[in-house]
Amino acid sequence: MRPRVLNVGGSSKSIPIPAHYEGWEHHLLDIDAAGGADIVCDARRLGSLPAGGYSAIYCSHNLEHYFRHELASVLSGFMHVLSEEGFAEIRVPDMRAVFEEAVRRGLDVDDVLYQSPAGPITVNDVVYGYGRQIAQTGQDYYAHKNGFTQASLVAALRASGFASIYVERRAFEIAAIAFKRAPTEGQRRLLGLPAPRPA
């Protein structure tokens, strides 16, 4: 049986997910059916899905759409749907990097932080969500209700029971891979993770 990845909040199956999931059975979970979601469900309700059905969760820029007090229910849902050797791959905006860059460049909240394929992205767009997209679609669930630093994301993952967490800061983004238990050698190779350090 092929391993299964649950793409949480990916908006559309036409949006590519990382190449290391090639050959996996890809299920899209989203709150909006318009993007061709396989499962239409709010991530706070993952506990209603069958337990242990997925080897991995891919969650890119979705956790920030939930209030801080809702985060525990989303992450406990991740734990619920993951197999015992499962892992969650998570990407969120890095608020520390955003504010450091804004201060370094003397930017105001409405100044352009960077250029994206969607157009100029302001400091406010990163903090509160992509403002023009929200305004054009009227879908306020795109708005950001939570912000993360590396430390706050790791703390939330640990509090939810993830045993082994790898985290990397990228340009305005935090990328984390959190395992229910220590990763296998095959998982480390698949994800390009370092070998464990000797005790």
Protein backbone atom coordinates (compact mmCIF):
# COMPACT_ATOMS: atom_id res chain seq x y z
CA MET A 1 0.00 0.00 0.00
CA ARG A 2 1.33 3.45 -0.94
CA PRO A 3 2.03 5.90 1.89
CA ARG A 4 -0.57 8.65 2.24
CA VAL A 5 0.01 12.36 2.78
CA LEU A 6 -2.73 14.69 3.99
CA ASN A 7 -2.25 18.18 2.54
CA VAL A 8 -3.96 20.42 5.11
CA GLY A 9 -5.32 23.71 3.79
CA GLY A 10 -3.55 23.51 0.45
CA SER A 11 -6.39 25.36 -1.35
CA SER A 12 -6.02 23.37 -4.59
CA LYS A 13 -4.53 20.08 -5.77
CA SER A 14 -2.97 21.98 -8.66
CA ILE A 15 -0.56 23.64 -6.20
CA PRO A 16 2.53 21.40 -6.06
CA ILE A 17 3.67 19.84 -2.81
CA PRO A 18 7.33 18.90 -2.12
CA ALA A 19 8.91 16.43 -4.54
CA HIS A 20 9.65 13.91 -1.78
CA TYR A 21 5.91 13.03 -1.75
CA GLU A 22 6.03 11.89 -5.38
CA GLY A 23 4.36 8.51 -5.66
CA TRP A 24 2.44 8.98 -2.41
CA GLU A 25 -1.34 8.97 -2.28
CA HIS A 26 -2.14 12.69 -1.95
CA HIS A 27 -5.32 13.77 -0.15
CA LEU A 28 -6.21 17.47 0.03
CA LEU A 29 -8.11 18.70 3.08
CA ASP A 30 -9.53 22.20 2.92
CA ILE A 31 -12.36 24.22 4.39
CA ASP A 32 -13.39 25.29 0.87
CA ALA A 33 -14.54 22.68 -1.66
CA ALA A 34 -13.78 24.98 -4.63
CA GLY A 35 -10.15 23.82 -4.97
CA GLY A 36 -11.10 20.18 -5.45
CA ALA A 37 -10.50 19.07 -1.86
CA ASP A 38 -10.76 15.34 -1.22
CA ILE A 39 -11.93 16.07 2.33
CA VAL A 40 -13.87 19.24 3.12
CA CYS A 41 -13.19 19.81 6.79
CA ASP A 42 -11.95 22.48 9.15
CA ALA A 43 -8.54 21.45 10.52
CA ARG A 44 -9.91 21.95 14.05
CA ARG A 45 -12.14 18.92 13.35
CA LEU A 46 -9.45 16.43 12.29
CA GLY A 47 -10.41 14.27 15.27
CA SER A 48 -13.56 13.32 13.35
CA LEU A 49 -11.45 11.51 10.71
CA PRO A 50 -10.28 7.91 11.15
CA ALA A 51 -7.21 7.59 13.39
CA GLY A 52 -3.75 6.73 12.07
CA GLY A 53 -4.61 6.88 8.37
CA TYR A 54 -1.70 9.04 7.18
CA SER A 55 2.08 8.65 7.09
CA ALA A 56 2.54 12.40 6.74
CA ILE A 57 0.79 15.75 6.95
CA TYR A 58 1.90 18.62 4.76
CA CYS A 59 0.68 21.95 6.15
CA SER A 60 2.04 24.98 4.33
CA HIS A 61 0.90 28.39 5.57
CA ASN A 62 -2.30 27.23 7.23
CA LEU A 63 -1.68 27.20 11.00
CA GLU A 64 -1.54 30.99 11.11
CA HIS A 65 -5.22 31.09 10.08
CA TYR A 66 -6.26 29.77 13.51
CA PHE A 67 -6.38 31.71 16.76
CA ARG A 68 -3.72 30.79 19.31
CA HIS A 69 -6.30 29.10 21.57
CA GLU A 70 -7.38 26.87 18.61
CA LEU A 71 -3.87 25.68 17.79
CA ALA A 72 -3.90 22.81 20.30
CA SER A 73 -7.01 21.28 18.70
CA VAL A 74 -5.46 21.50 15.21
CA LEU A 75 -2.17 19.91 16.33
CA SER A 76 -3.91 17.21 18.38
CA GLY A 77 -5.85 16.44 15.19
CA PHE A 78 -2.54 16.04 13.38
CA MET A 79 -1.47 13.54 16.04
CA HIS A 80 -4.82 11.72 15.69
CA VAL A 81 -4.66 11.16 11.91
CA LEU A 82 -0.94 10.31 11.77
CA SER A 83 0.27 6.72 11.95
CA GLU A 84 2.59 5.82 14.84
CA GLU A 85 5.65 6.54 12.68
CA GLY A 86 4.02 9.56 11.05
CA PHE A 87 5.30 13.12 10.77
CA ALA A 88 3.97 16.59 10.08
CA GLU A 89 5.77 18.98 7.73
CA ILE A 90 4.75 22.53 8.62
CA ARG A 91 5.56 25.94 7.16
CA VAL A 92 4.49 29.24 8.71
CA PRO A 93 5.52 32.89 8.29
CA ASP A 94 8.45 33.83 10.55
CA MET A 95 7.24 36.89 12.47
CA ARG A 96 10.66 37.48 14.01
CA ALA A 97 12.25 37.70 10.56
CA VAL A 98 9.47 39.99 9.32
CA PHE A 99 9.89 42.44 12.18
CA GLU A 100 13.70 42.30 12.08
CA GLU A 101 13.66 43.15 8.37
CA ALA A 102 11.08 45.91 8.83
CA VAL A 103 13.20 47.52 11.57
CA ARG A 104 16.46 47.05 9.63
CA ARG A 105 15.01 48.76 6.53
CA GLY A 106 12.95 51.33 8.43
CA LEU A 107 9.70 50.06 6.91
CA ASP A 108 6.21 51.09 7.89
CA VAL A 109 3.43 48.47 8.04
CA ASP A 110 2.18 49.41 4.55
CA ASP A 111 5.63 49.40 2.93
CA VAL A 112 6.63 46.59 0.56
CA LEU A 113 8.52 43.81 2.30
CA TYR A 114 9.15 41.71 -0.85
CA GLN A 115 7.86 41.07 -4.37
CA SER A 116 5.96 37.84 -4.92
CA PRO A 117 4.37 36.22 -8.01
CA ALA A 118 1.09 37.67 -6.66
CA GLY A 119 2.57 41.18 -6.58
CA PRO A 120 4.09 43.35 -3.85
CA ILE A 121 3.69 42.02 -0.32
CA THR A 122 3.65 44.56 2.49
CA VAL A 123 4.61 44.07 6.14
CA ASN A 124 0.88 44.12 6.93
CA ASP A 125 0.18 41.41 4.32
CA VAL A 126 2.49 38.99 6.10
CA VAL A 127 1.29 39.84 9.60
CA TYR A 128 -2.45 39.76 8.83
CA GLY A 129 -2.61 37.71 5.64
CA TYR A 130 -2.56 38.69 1.98
CA GLY A 131 -4.89 41.69 2.11
CA ARG A 132 -5.75 41.98 -1.59
CA GLN A 133 -6.63 38.29 -1.83
CA ILE A 134 -8.96 38.59 1.15
CA ALA A 135 -10.55 41.78 -0.22
CA GLN A 136 -11.04 40.33 -3.73
CA THR A 137 -12.50 37.00 -2.64
CA GLY A 138 -14.35 38.09 0.50
CA GLN A 139 -13.06 34.95 2.21
CA ASP A 140 -11.88 36.24 5.56
CA TYR A 141 -10.64 32.81 6.64
CA TYR A 142 -7.50 33.70 4.64
CA ALA A 143 -6.70 36.27 7.33
CA HIS A 144 -3.92 35.51 9.80
CA LYS A 145 -5.06 35.18 13.39
CA ASN A 146 -1.82 33.85 14.85
CA GLY A 147 1.89 34.51 14.48
CA PHE A 148 4.90 32.28 15.05
CA THR A 149 8.56 32.45 15.90
CA GLN A 150 10.77 29.40 15.83
CA ALA A 151 10.49 29.08 19.61
CA SER A 152 6.70 29.41 19.73
CA LEU A 153 6.16 26.86 16.94
CA VAL A 154 8.47 24.31 18.60
CA ALA A 155 6.76 24.88 21.97
CA ALA A 156 3.32 24.28 20.42
CA LEU A 157 4.49 21.08 18.70
CA ARG A 158 6.07 19.76 21.90
CA ALA A 159 2.94 20.58 23.93
CA SER A 160 0.91 18.55 21.41
CA GLY A 161 3.07 15.47 21.96
CA PHE A 162 5.44 15.46 19.00
CA ALA A 163 8.60 13.67 20.17
CA SER A 164 11.21 14.74 17.63
CA ILE A 165 11.24 18.16 15.91
CA TYR A 166 13.54 19.52 13.22
CA VAL A 167 13.21 23.22 12.46
CA GLU A 168 14.84 25.64 10.01
CA ARG A 169 14.42 29.38 9.48
CA ARG A 170 14.19 30.43 5.83
CA ALA A 171 13.44 33.78 4.22
CA PHE A 172 10.41 35.02 6.21
CA GLU A 173 9.40 31.40 6.84
CA ILE A 174 9.84 28.71 9.47
CA ALA A 175 9.92 25.12 8.21
CA ALA A 176 9.42 22.36 10.77
CA ILE A 177 9.18 18.59 10.55
CA ALA A 178 7.70 17.02 13.67
CA PHE A 179 7.61 13.26 14.30
CA LYS A 180 5.35 11.35 16.66
CA ARG A 181 8.45 9.29 17.56
CA ALA A 182 12.11 9.40 16.53
CA PRO A 183 12.43 9.33 12.71
CA THR A 184 13.59 6.20 10.97
CA GLU A 185 16.70 6.20 8.80
CA GLY A 186 14.44 6.01 5.74
CA GLN A 187 12.51 9.09 6.84
CA ARG A 188 15.73 11.03 7.47
CA ARG A 189 16.97 10.17 3.97
CA LEU A 190 13.61 11.03 2.38
CA LEU A 191 13.48 14.44 4.06
CA GLY A 192 17.21 15.22 3.94
CA LEU A 193 17.52 15.37 7.74
CA PRO A 194 20.83 15.01 9.60
CA ALA A 195 21.71 11.78 11.35
CA PRO A 196 21.23 11.78 15.12
CA ARG A 197 24.19 13.00 17.15
CA PRO A 198 25.99 10.42 19.32
CA ALA A 199 25.05 10.61 23.01
